């Protein structure tokens, strides 16, 4: 239940920020956010990261839907029962759903965060969720998955 609340809260935040950007910033225009670091620039992205698969939104919509279903099943069945893994998967699910909503209802994803200190793709809250949650889950899986069970199963040393 707590993980569902996290997913809903992050999706709501993502959709709120996207709505505010669409309502207050003209397409292609930028508004200062963090001087010399980040500005809000309204971009319609019909592709994936870095506009890959541009103009193939329907394929990306199906991929987002499949990924969302898979993540929801992993969470419901508690395939990775550790709380950290559950949080990571919840954050990734929120990002997938946030962008899925845009693709399904708008035909594009609303992006807005543009870095000023380097040339990088414009991104959104959902993208942040997918990347941060995905990296954190990979770190959990590579460094900790399976090790917590072994520690509990090991017999106490006799002394």
N, C-alpha and C. Protein backbone atom coordinates (compact mmCIF):
# COMPACT_ATOMS: atom_id res chain seq x y z
N UNK A 1 0.82 -1.19 0.00
CA UNK A 1 0.00 0.00 0.00
C UNK A 1 0.87 1.26 0.00
N UNK A 2 1.92 1.25 0.83
CA UNK A 2 2.81 2.40 0.89
C UNK A 2 3.48 2.64 -0.46
N UNK A 3 3.81 1.56 -1.16
CA UNK A 3 4.46 1.68 -2.46
C UNK A 3 3.49 2.25 -3.50
N UNK A 4 2.22 1.88 -3.39
CA UNK A 4 1.21 2.43 -4.30
C UNK A 4 1.05 3.93 -4.08
N UNK A 5 1.11 4.35 -2.84
CA UNK A 5 1.02 5.78 -2.52
C UNK A 5 2.21 6.52 -3.13
N UNK A 6 3.39 5.93 -3.04
CA UNK A 6 4.58 6.54 -3.64
C UNK A 6 4.41 6.68 -5.14
N UNK A 7 3.93 5.64 -5.80
CA UNK A 7 3.73 5.68 -7.25
C UNK A 7 2.73 6.78 -7.61
N UNK A 8 1.59 6.81 -6.93
CA UNK A 8 0.56 7.82 -7.23
C UNK A 8 1.10 9.23 -6.98
N UNK A 9 1.83 9.43 -5.90
CA UNK A 9 2.37 10.76 -5.59
C UNK A 9 3.36 11.23 -6.66
N UNK A 10 4.23 10.33 -7.11
CA UNK A 10 5.22 10.72 -8.13
C UNK A 10 4.56 10.95 -9.48
N UNK A 11 3.58 10.14 -9.84
CA UNK A 11 2.85 10.36 -11.09
C UNK A 11 2.11 11.70 -11.03
N UNK A 12 1.49 11.99 -9.90
CA UNK A 12 0.78 13.27 -9.74
C UNK A 12 1.75 14.45 -9.85
N UNK A 13 2.92 14.35 -9.23
CA UNK A 13 3.92 15.40 -9.33
C UNK A 13 4.36 15.60 -10.78
N UNK A 14 4.64 14.50 -11.46
CA UNK A 14 5.04 14.55 -12.87
C UNK A 14 3.97 15.23 -13.71
N UNK A 15 2.73 14.82 -13.56
CA UNK A 15 1.65 15.38 -14.35
C UNK A 15 1.39 16.84 -14.01
N UNK A 16 1.53 17.22 -12.74
CA UNK A 16 1.35 18.61 -12.34
C UNK A 16 2.41 19.50 -12.98
N UNK A 17 3.66 19.08 -12.91
CA UNK A 17 4.74 19.88 -13.50
C UNK A 17 4.53 20.01 -15.01
N UNK A 18 4.17 18.92 -15.67
CA UNK A 18 3.92 18.97 -17.11
C UNK A 18 2.76 19.91 -17.44
N UNK A 19 1.68 19.83 -16.67
CA UNK A 19 0.53 20.71 -16.89
C UNK A 19 0.93 22.17 -16.74
N UNK A 20 1.66 22.48 -15.68
CA UNK A 20 2.08 23.86 -15.44
C UNK A 20 2.97 24.38 -16.57
N UNK A 21 3.85 23.53 -17.07
CA UNK A 21 4.72 23.94 -18.18
C UNK A 21 3.89 24.20 -19.43
N UNK A 22 2.99 23.28 -19.77
CA UNK A 22 2.15 23.48 -20.96
C UNK A 22 1.27 24.72 -20.84
N UNK A 23 0.81 25.02 -19.63
CA UNK A 23 -0.09 26.15 -19.42
C UNK A 23 0.63 27.49 -19.36
N UNK A 24 1.91 27.50 -19.00
CA UNK A 24 2.58 28.76 -18.72
C UNK A 24 3.79 29.09 -19.59
N UNK A 25 4.26 28.12 -20.37
CA UNK A 25 5.44 28.36 -21.20
C UNK A 25 5.08 28.02 -22.65
N UNK A 26 5.41 28.91 -23.56
CA UNK A 26 5.16 28.66 -24.97
C UNK A 26 6.10 27.56 -25.47
N UNK A 27 5.61 26.79 -26.42
CA UNK A 27 6.39 25.70 -26.99
C UNK A 27 7.73 26.22 -27.50
N UNK A 28 8.80 25.59 -27.06
CA UNK A 28 10.15 25.98 -27.48
C UNK A 28 10.77 27.11 -26.68
N UNK A 29 9.99 27.74 -25.85
CA UNK A 29 10.49 28.86 -25.05
C UNK A 29 11.06 28.35 -23.73
N UNK A 30 12.00 29.12 -23.17
CA UNK A 30 12.63 28.75 -21.91
C UNK A 30 12.43 29.80 -20.84
N UNK A 31 12.37 29.36 -19.60
CA UNK A 31 12.22 30.23 -18.44
C UNK A 31 13.33 29.86 -17.45
N UNK A 32 14.06 30.86 -16.93
CA UNK A 32 15.13 30.55 -15.97
C UNK A 32 14.59 29.77 -14.76
N UNK A 33 15.36 28.81 -14.32
CA UNK A 33 14.97 28.01 -13.16
C UNK A 33 16.10 28.02 -12.13
N UNK A 34 17.24 27.46 -12.46
CA UNK A 34 18.45 27.54 -11.64
C UNK A 34 19.52 28.20 -12.51
N UNK A 35 19.87 29.45 -12.24
CA UNK A 35 20.79 30.19 -13.11
C UNK A 35 22.06 29.41 -13.45
N UNK A 36 22.40 29.39 -14.73
CA UNK A 36 23.59 28.75 -15.27
C UNK A 36 23.57 27.22 -15.15
N UNK A 37 22.50 26.65 -14.62
CA UNK A 37 22.42 25.20 -14.43
C UNK A 37 21.26 24.60 -15.19
N UNK A 38 20.06 25.14 -14.95
CA UNK A 38 18.85 24.52 -15.48
C UNK A 38 17.82 25.58 -15.83
N UNK A 39 17.14 25.38 -16.95
CA UNK A 39 16.01 26.23 -17.27
C UNK A 39 14.84 25.35 -17.67
N UNK A 40 13.64 25.89 -17.55
CA UNK A 40 12.44 25.18 -17.97
C UNK A 40 12.17 25.55 -19.42
N UNK A 41 12.23 24.57 -20.30
CA UNK A 41 11.98 24.77 -21.72
C UNK A 41 10.92 23.77 -22.14
N UNK A 42 9.81 24.27 -22.69
CA UNK A 42 8.71 23.40 -23.10
C UNK A 42 9.04 22.74 -24.43
N UNK A 43 9.14 21.40 -24.39
CA UNK A 43 9.45 20.60 -25.57
C UNK A 43 8.44 19.47 -25.68
N UNK A 44 7.95 19.23 -26.90
CA UNK A 44 7.11 18.05 -27.17
C UNK A 44 8.02 16.98 -27.75
N UNK A 45 8.13 15.86 -27.05
CA UNK A 45 9.00 14.77 -27.47
C UNK A 45 8.14 13.60 -27.93
N UNK A 46 8.17 13.32 -29.23
CA UNK A 46 7.42 12.19 -29.76
C UNK A 46 8.25 10.91 -29.75
N UNK A 47 9.49 11.01 -29.31
CA UNK A 47 10.36 9.84 -29.27
C UNK A 47 10.66 9.42 -27.84
N UNK A 48 11.72 8.65 -27.70
CA UNK A 48 12.18 8.21 -26.39
C UNK A 48 13.31 9.14 -25.97
N UNK A 49 14.19 8.67 -25.11
CA UNK A 49 15.33 9.48 -24.66
C UNK A 49 16.13 9.96 -25.86
N UNK A 50 16.54 11.22 -25.82
CA UNK A 50 17.29 11.85 -26.89
C UNK A 50 16.53 11.82 -28.21
N UNK A 51 15.20 11.76 -28.14
CA UNK A 51 14.30 11.73 -29.30
C UNK A 51 14.49 10.51 -30.20
N UNK A 52 15.01 9.42 -29.64
CA UNK A 52 15.11 8.18 -30.39
C UNK A 52 13.70 7.69 -30.72
N UNK A 53 13.55 7.05 -31.87
CA UNK A 53 12.26 6.55 -32.34
C UNK A 53 11.24 7.66 -32.50
N UNK A 54 11.73 8.85 -32.84
CA UNK A 54 10.83 10.00 -33.04
C UNK A 54 9.77 9.64 -34.07
N UNK A 55 8.57 10.08 -33.84
CA UNK A 55 7.42 9.82 -34.69
C UNK A 55 6.93 8.37 -34.63
N UNK A 56 7.38 7.61 -33.66
CA UNK A 56 6.90 6.23 -33.45
C UNK A 56 6.31 6.13 -32.04
N UNK A 57 5.52 7.12 -31.69
CA UNK A 57 4.95 7.20 -30.34
C UNK A 57 4.11 5.97 -30.01
N UNK A 58 3.40 5.40 -30.99
CA UNK A 58 2.55 4.25 -30.70
C UNK A 58 3.36 3.05 -30.25
N UNK A 59 4.56 2.86 -30.80
CA UNK A 59 5.43 1.76 -30.36
C UNK A 59 5.89 2.02 -28.94
N UNK A 60 6.30 3.25 -28.67
CA UNK A 60 6.76 3.61 -27.33
C UNK A 60 5.62 3.52 -26.32
N UNK A 61 4.40 3.81 -26.75
CA UNK A 61 3.24 3.67 -25.86
C UNK A 61 3.06 2.22 -25.47
N UNK A 62 3.16 1.32 -26.43
CA UNK A 62 3.03 -0.11 -26.12
C UNK A 62 4.17 -0.61 -25.23
N UNK A 63 5.37 -0.14 -25.48
CA UNK A 63 6.52 -0.53 -24.65
C UNK A 63 6.33 0.00 -23.22
N UNK A 64 5.87 1.24 -23.09
CA UNK A 64 5.62 1.82 -21.77
C UNK A 64 4.54 1.05 -21.03
N UNK A 65 3.49 0.67 -21.75
CA UNK A 65 2.41 -0.10 -21.15
C UNK A 65 2.91 -1.46 -20.68
N UNK A 66 3.66 -2.15 -21.52
CA UNK A 66 4.21 -3.46 -21.14
C UNK A 66 5.14 -3.35 -19.94
N UNK A 67 6.01 -2.34 -19.96
CA UNK A 67 6.94 -2.14 -18.83
C UNK A 67 6.17 -1.83 -17.55
N UNK A 68 5.14 -1.03 -17.66
CA UNK A 68 4.33 -0.67 -16.48
C UNK A 68 3.65 -1.90 -15.90
N UNK A 69 3.11 -2.74 -16.77
CA UNK A 69 2.45 -3.97 -16.30
C UNK A 69 3.47 -4.89 -15.64
N UNK A 70 4.63 -5.06 -16.26
CA UNK A 70 5.67 -5.91 -15.68
C UNK A 70 6.11 -5.39 -14.32
N UNK A 71 6.34 -4.10 -14.21
CA UNK A 71 6.75 -3.52 -12.93
C UNK A 71 5.67 -3.69 -11.87
N UNK A 72 4.42 -3.48 -12.25
CA UNK A 72 3.31 -3.66 -11.30
C UNK A 72 3.24 -5.10 -10.81
N UNK A 73 3.44 -6.06 -11.70
CA UNK A 73 3.43 -7.48 -11.31
C UNK A 73 4.58 -7.77 -10.36
N UNK A 74 5.77 -7.26 -10.67
CA UNK A 74 6.93 -7.46 -9.78
C UNK A 74 6.66 -6.91 -8.39
N UNK A 75 5.99 -5.76 -8.34
CA UNK A 75 5.69 -5.15 -7.04
C UNK A 75 4.59 -5.92 -6.30
N UNK A 76 3.53 -6.28 -6.99
CA UNK A 76 2.41 -6.99 -6.35
C UNK A 76 2.85 -8.35 -5.82
N UNK A 77 3.65 -9.06 -6.62
CA UNK A 77 4.11 -10.40 -6.21
C UNK A 77 5.33 -10.34 -5.29
N UNK A 78 5.83 -9.14 -5.05
CA UNK A 78 7.00 -8.94 -4.19
C UNK A 78 8.16 -9.87 -4.59
N UNK A 79 8.45 -9.85 -5.88
CA UNK A 79 9.54 -10.67 -6.41
C UNK A 79 10.86 -10.28 -5.76
N UNK A 80 11.01 -9.00 -5.49
CA UNK A 80 12.18 -8.48 -4.78
C UNK A 80 11.64 -7.85 -3.49
N UNK A 81 11.50 -8.64 -2.42
CA UNK A 81 10.76 -8.18 -1.23
C UNK A 81 11.48 -7.14 -0.36
N UNK A 82 12.75 -6.93 -0.58
CA UNK A 82 13.47 -5.96 0.25
C UNK A 82 12.85 -4.57 0.05
N UNK A 83 12.62 -3.82 1.12
CA UNK A 83 11.98 -2.50 1.00
C UNK A 83 12.70 -1.56 0.03
N UNK A 84 14.03 -1.58 0.01
CA UNK A 84 14.75 -0.70 -0.91
C UNK A 84 14.44 -1.06 -2.36
N UNK A 85 14.41 -2.35 -2.68
CA UNK A 85 14.09 -2.80 -4.03
C UNK A 85 12.67 -2.41 -4.39
N UNK A 86 11.75 -2.53 -3.45
CA UNK A 86 10.36 -2.18 -3.71
C UNK A 86 10.22 -0.67 -3.99
N UNK A 87 10.95 0.14 -3.25
CA UNK A 87 10.92 1.59 -3.49
C UNK A 87 11.49 1.89 -4.87
N UNK A 88 12.61 1.28 -5.20
CA UNK A 88 13.23 1.51 -6.51
C UNK A 88 12.27 1.16 -7.63
N UNK A 89 11.65 -0.02 -7.56
CA UNK A 89 10.72 -0.44 -8.60
C UNK A 89 9.50 0.47 -8.64
N UNK A 90 9.05 0.95 -7.50
CA UNK A 90 7.92 1.88 -7.45
C UNK A 90 8.25 3.18 -8.15
N UNK A 91 9.46 3.68 -7.95
CA UNK A 91 9.88 4.92 -8.58
C UNK A 91 9.97 4.74 -10.09
N UNK A 92 10.52 3.61 -10.55
CA UNK A 92 10.58 3.34 -11.99
C UNK A 92 9.17 3.23 -12.57
N UNK A 93 8.28 2.53 -11.87
CA UNK A 93 6.89 2.40 -12.32
C UNK A 93 6.24 3.77 -12.45
N UNK A 94 6.45 4.64 -11.48
CA UNK A 94 5.87 5.99 -11.54
C UNK A 94 6.35 6.73 -12.79
N UNK A 95 7.62 6.61 -13.09
CA UNK A 95 8.15 7.26 -14.29
C UNK A 95 7.56 6.68 -15.56
N UNK A 96 7.46 5.37 -15.62
CA UNK A 96 6.89 4.73 -16.81
C UNK A 96 5.43 5.16 -17.01
N UNK A 97 4.67 5.18 -15.93
CA UNK A 97 3.25 5.57 -16.01
C UNK A 97 3.12 7.05 -16.37
N UNK A 98 3.96 7.89 -15.79
CA UNK A 98 3.91 9.32 -16.09
C UNK A 98 4.08 9.61 -17.57
N UNK A 99 5.07 8.97 -18.19
CA UNK A 99 5.28 9.17 -19.62
C UNK A 99 4.23 8.43 -20.46
N UNK A 100 3.73 7.31 -19.96
CA UNK A 100 2.67 6.58 -20.66
C UNK A 100 1.41 7.43 -20.77
N UNK A 101 1.08 8.12 -19.71
CA UNK A 101 -0.10 9.00 -19.72
C UNK A 101 0.03 10.04 -20.83
N UNK A 102 1.20 10.67 -20.93
CA UNK A 102 1.42 11.67 -21.98
C UNK A 102 1.28 11.06 -23.37
N UNK A 103 1.95 9.94 -23.58
CA UNK A 103 1.93 9.32 -24.91
C UNK A 103 0.51 8.90 -25.30
N UNK A 104 -0.22 8.33 -24.36
CA UNK A 104 -1.56 7.82 -24.65
C UNK A 104 -2.57 8.95 -24.89
N UNK A 105 -2.47 10.02 -24.12
CA UNK A 105 -3.49 11.07 -24.20
C UNK A 105 -3.09 12.29 -25.03
N UNK A 106 -1.78 12.54 -25.17
CA UNK A 106 -1.33 13.71 -25.91
C UNK A 106 -0.63 13.36 -27.23
N UNK A 107 -0.12 12.14 -27.32
CA UNK A 107 0.63 11.75 -28.51
C UNK A 107 2.09 12.16 -28.47
N UNK A 108 2.51 12.69 -27.35
CA UNK A 108 3.90 13.10 -27.15
C UNK A 108 4.14 13.19 -25.65
N UNK A 109 5.42 13.26 -25.27
CA UNK A 109 5.79 13.44 -23.86
C UNK A 109 6.23 14.89 -23.68
N UNK A 110 5.73 15.51 -22.63
CA UNK A 110 6.11 16.88 -22.30
C UNK A 110 7.43 16.85 -21.53
N UNK A 111 8.46 17.47 -22.10
CA UNK A 111 9.76 17.59 -21.43
C UNK A 111 9.98 19.06 -21.09
N UNK A 112 10.78 19.30 -20.04
CA UNK A 112 10.95 20.70 -19.63
C UNK A 112 12.30 21.04 -18.99
N UNK A 113 13.03 20.11 -18.44
CA UNK A 113 14.27 20.45 -17.77
C UNK A 113 15.42 20.44 -18.78
N UNK A 114 16.01 21.62 -19.01
CA UNK A 114 17.11 21.74 -19.96
C UNK A 114 18.36 22.19 -19.21
N UNK A 115 19.41 21.40 -19.32
CA UNK A 115 20.67 21.76 -18.67
C UNK A 115 21.34 22.88 -19.47
N UNK A 116 21.93 23.83 -18.75
CA UNK A 116 22.60 24.96 -19.38
C UNK A 116 24.11 24.81 -19.38
N UNK A 117 24.64 23.97 -18.50
CA UNK A 117 26.09 23.84 -18.37
C UNK A 117 26.67 22.78 -19.30
N UNK A 118 25.78 22.01 -19.97
CA UNK A 118 26.23 21.02 -20.95
C UNK A 118 25.09 20.72 -21.91
N UNK A 119 25.43 20.22 -23.08
CA UNK A 119 24.44 19.87 -24.08
C UNK A 119 23.87 18.49 -23.74
N UNK A 120 22.61 18.46 -23.32
CA UNK A 120 21.98 17.21 -22.90
C UNK A 120 20.52 17.26 -23.31
N UNK A 121 19.90 16.11 -23.42
CA UNK A 121 18.48 16.04 -23.79
C UNK A 121 17.62 16.74 -22.74
N UNK A 122 16.54 17.35 -23.19
CA UNK A 122 15.56 17.94 -22.28
C UNK A 122 14.77 16.78 -21.68
N UNK A 123 14.50 16.84 -20.37
CA UNK A 123 13.87 15.71 -19.69
C UNK A 123 12.78 16.19 -18.75
N UNK A 124 12.10 15.25 -18.08
CA UNK A 124 10.99 15.59 -17.20
C UNK A 124 11.08 14.80 -15.89
N UNK A 125 10.11 14.99 -15.02
CA UNK A 125 10.10 14.32 -13.71
C UNK A 125 10.03 12.80 -13.89
N UNK A 126 9.22 12.33 -14.83
CA UNK A 126 9.11 10.89 -15.07
C UNK A 126 10.45 10.29 -15.49
N UNK A 127 11.17 11.01 -16.34
CA UNK A 127 12.50 10.54 -16.76
C UNK A 127 13.45 10.44 -15.57
N UNK A 128 13.38 11.42 -14.68
CA UNK A 128 14.21 11.40 -13.47
C UNK A 128 13.88 10.15 -12.65
N UNK A 129 12.59 9.84 -12.53
CA UNK A 129 12.17 8.66 -11.78
C UNK A 129 12.71 7.38 -12.40
N UNK A 130 12.59 7.25 -13.72
CA UNK A 130 13.06 6.04 -14.40
C UNK A 130 14.56 5.87 -14.22
N UNK A 131 15.30 6.94 -14.44
CA UNK A 131 16.77 6.85 -14.36
C UNK A 131 17.24 6.60 -12.93
N UNK A 132 16.78 7.41 -11.99
CA UNK A 132 17.24 7.26 -10.60
C UNK A 132 16.77 5.93 -10.00
N UNK A 133 15.51 5.59 -10.21
CA UNK A 133 15.01 4.31 -9.71
C UNK A 133 15.70 3.13 -10.35
N UNK A 134 15.95 3.23 -11.65
CA UNK A 134 16.63 2.14 -12.36
C UNK A 134 18.06 1.95 -11.91
N UNK A 135 18.79 3.04 -11.76
CA UNK A 135 20.18 2.95 -11.28
C UNK A 135 20.22 2.40 -9.86
N UNK A 136 19.33 2.89 -9.01
CA UNK A 136 19.31 2.41 -7.62
C UNK A 136 18.95 0.92 -7.56
N UNK A 137 18.00 0.49 -8.40
CA UNK A 137 17.65 -0.93 -8.40
C UNK A 137 18.82 -1.78 -8.90
N UNK A 138 19.51 -1.33 -9.94
CA UNK A 138 20.67 -2.07 -10.43
C UNK A 138 21.75 -2.18 -9.35
N UNK A 139 21.98 -1.11 -8.64
CA UNK A 139 22.96 -1.15 -7.54
C UNK A 139 22.52 -2.14 -6.48
N UNK A 140 21.24 -2.11 -6.11
CA UNK A 140 20.71 -3.08 -5.13
C UNK A 140 20.93 -4.50 -5.64
N UNK A 141 20.54 -4.75 -6.88
CA UNK A 141 20.61 -6.11 -7.42
C UNK A 141 22.06 -6.61 -7.48
N UNK A 142 22.96 -5.76 -7.94
CA UNK A 142 24.36 -6.17 -8.08
C UNK A 142 25.08 -6.31 -6.74
N UNK A 143 24.75 -5.46 -5.78
CA UNK A 143 25.49 -5.42 -4.53
C UNK A 143 24.84 -6.17 -3.37
N UNK A 144 23.52 -6.26 -3.38
CA UNK A 144 22.85 -6.78 -2.18
C UNK A 144 21.90 -7.95 -2.41
N UNK A 145 21.34 -8.09 -3.60
CA UNK A 145 20.32 -9.11 -3.83
C UNK A 145 20.89 -10.50 -3.56
N UNK A 146 20.21 -11.26 -2.73
CA UNK A 146 20.62 -12.60 -2.37
C UNK A 146 21.56 -12.65 -1.19
N UNK A 147 22.23 -11.58 -0.88
CA UNK A 147 23.18 -11.58 0.23
C UNK A 147 22.49 -11.46 1.57
N UNK A 148 21.34 -10.74 1.61
CA UNK A 148 20.66 -10.60 2.90
C UNK A 148 20.08 -11.92 3.38
N UNK A 149 19.66 -12.78 2.44
CA UNK A 149 19.13 -14.09 2.84
C UNK A 149 20.25 -15.00 3.35
N UNK A 150 21.42 -14.93 2.72
CA UNK A 150 22.55 -15.77 3.12
C UNK A 150 23.01 -15.43 4.53
N UNK A 151 22.98 -14.15 4.88
CA UNK A 151 23.41 -13.73 6.22
C UNK A 151 22.48 -14.29 7.29
N UNK A 152 21.18 -14.32 6.99
CA UNK A 152 20.21 -14.84 7.98
C UNK A 152 20.26 -16.36 8.08
N UNK A 153 20.63 -17.02 6.99
CA UNK A 153 20.66 -18.48 6.97
C UNK A 153 21.95 -19.07 7.52
N UNK A 154 22.99 -18.27 7.63
CA UNK A 154 24.29 -18.77 8.09
C UNK A 154 24.19 -19.16 9.56
N UNK A 155 24.74 -20.33 9.91
CA UNK A 155 24.70 -20.75 11.32
C UNK A 155 25.58 -19.85 12.18
N UNK A 156 25.16 -19.66 13.40
CA UNK A 156 25.92 -18.84 14.34
C UNK A 156 27.25 -19.55 14.63
N UNK A 157 28.32 -18.79 14.70
CA UNK A 157 29.62 -19.39 14.98
C UNK A 157 29.68 -19.82 16.44
N UNK A 158 30.25 -20.99 16.62
CA UNK A 158 30.35 -21.52 17.99
C UNK A 158 31.65 -21.04 18.60
N UNK A 159 31.63 -20.77 19.87
CA UNK A 159 32.84 -20.23 20.46
C UNK A 159 33.08 -20.61 21.80
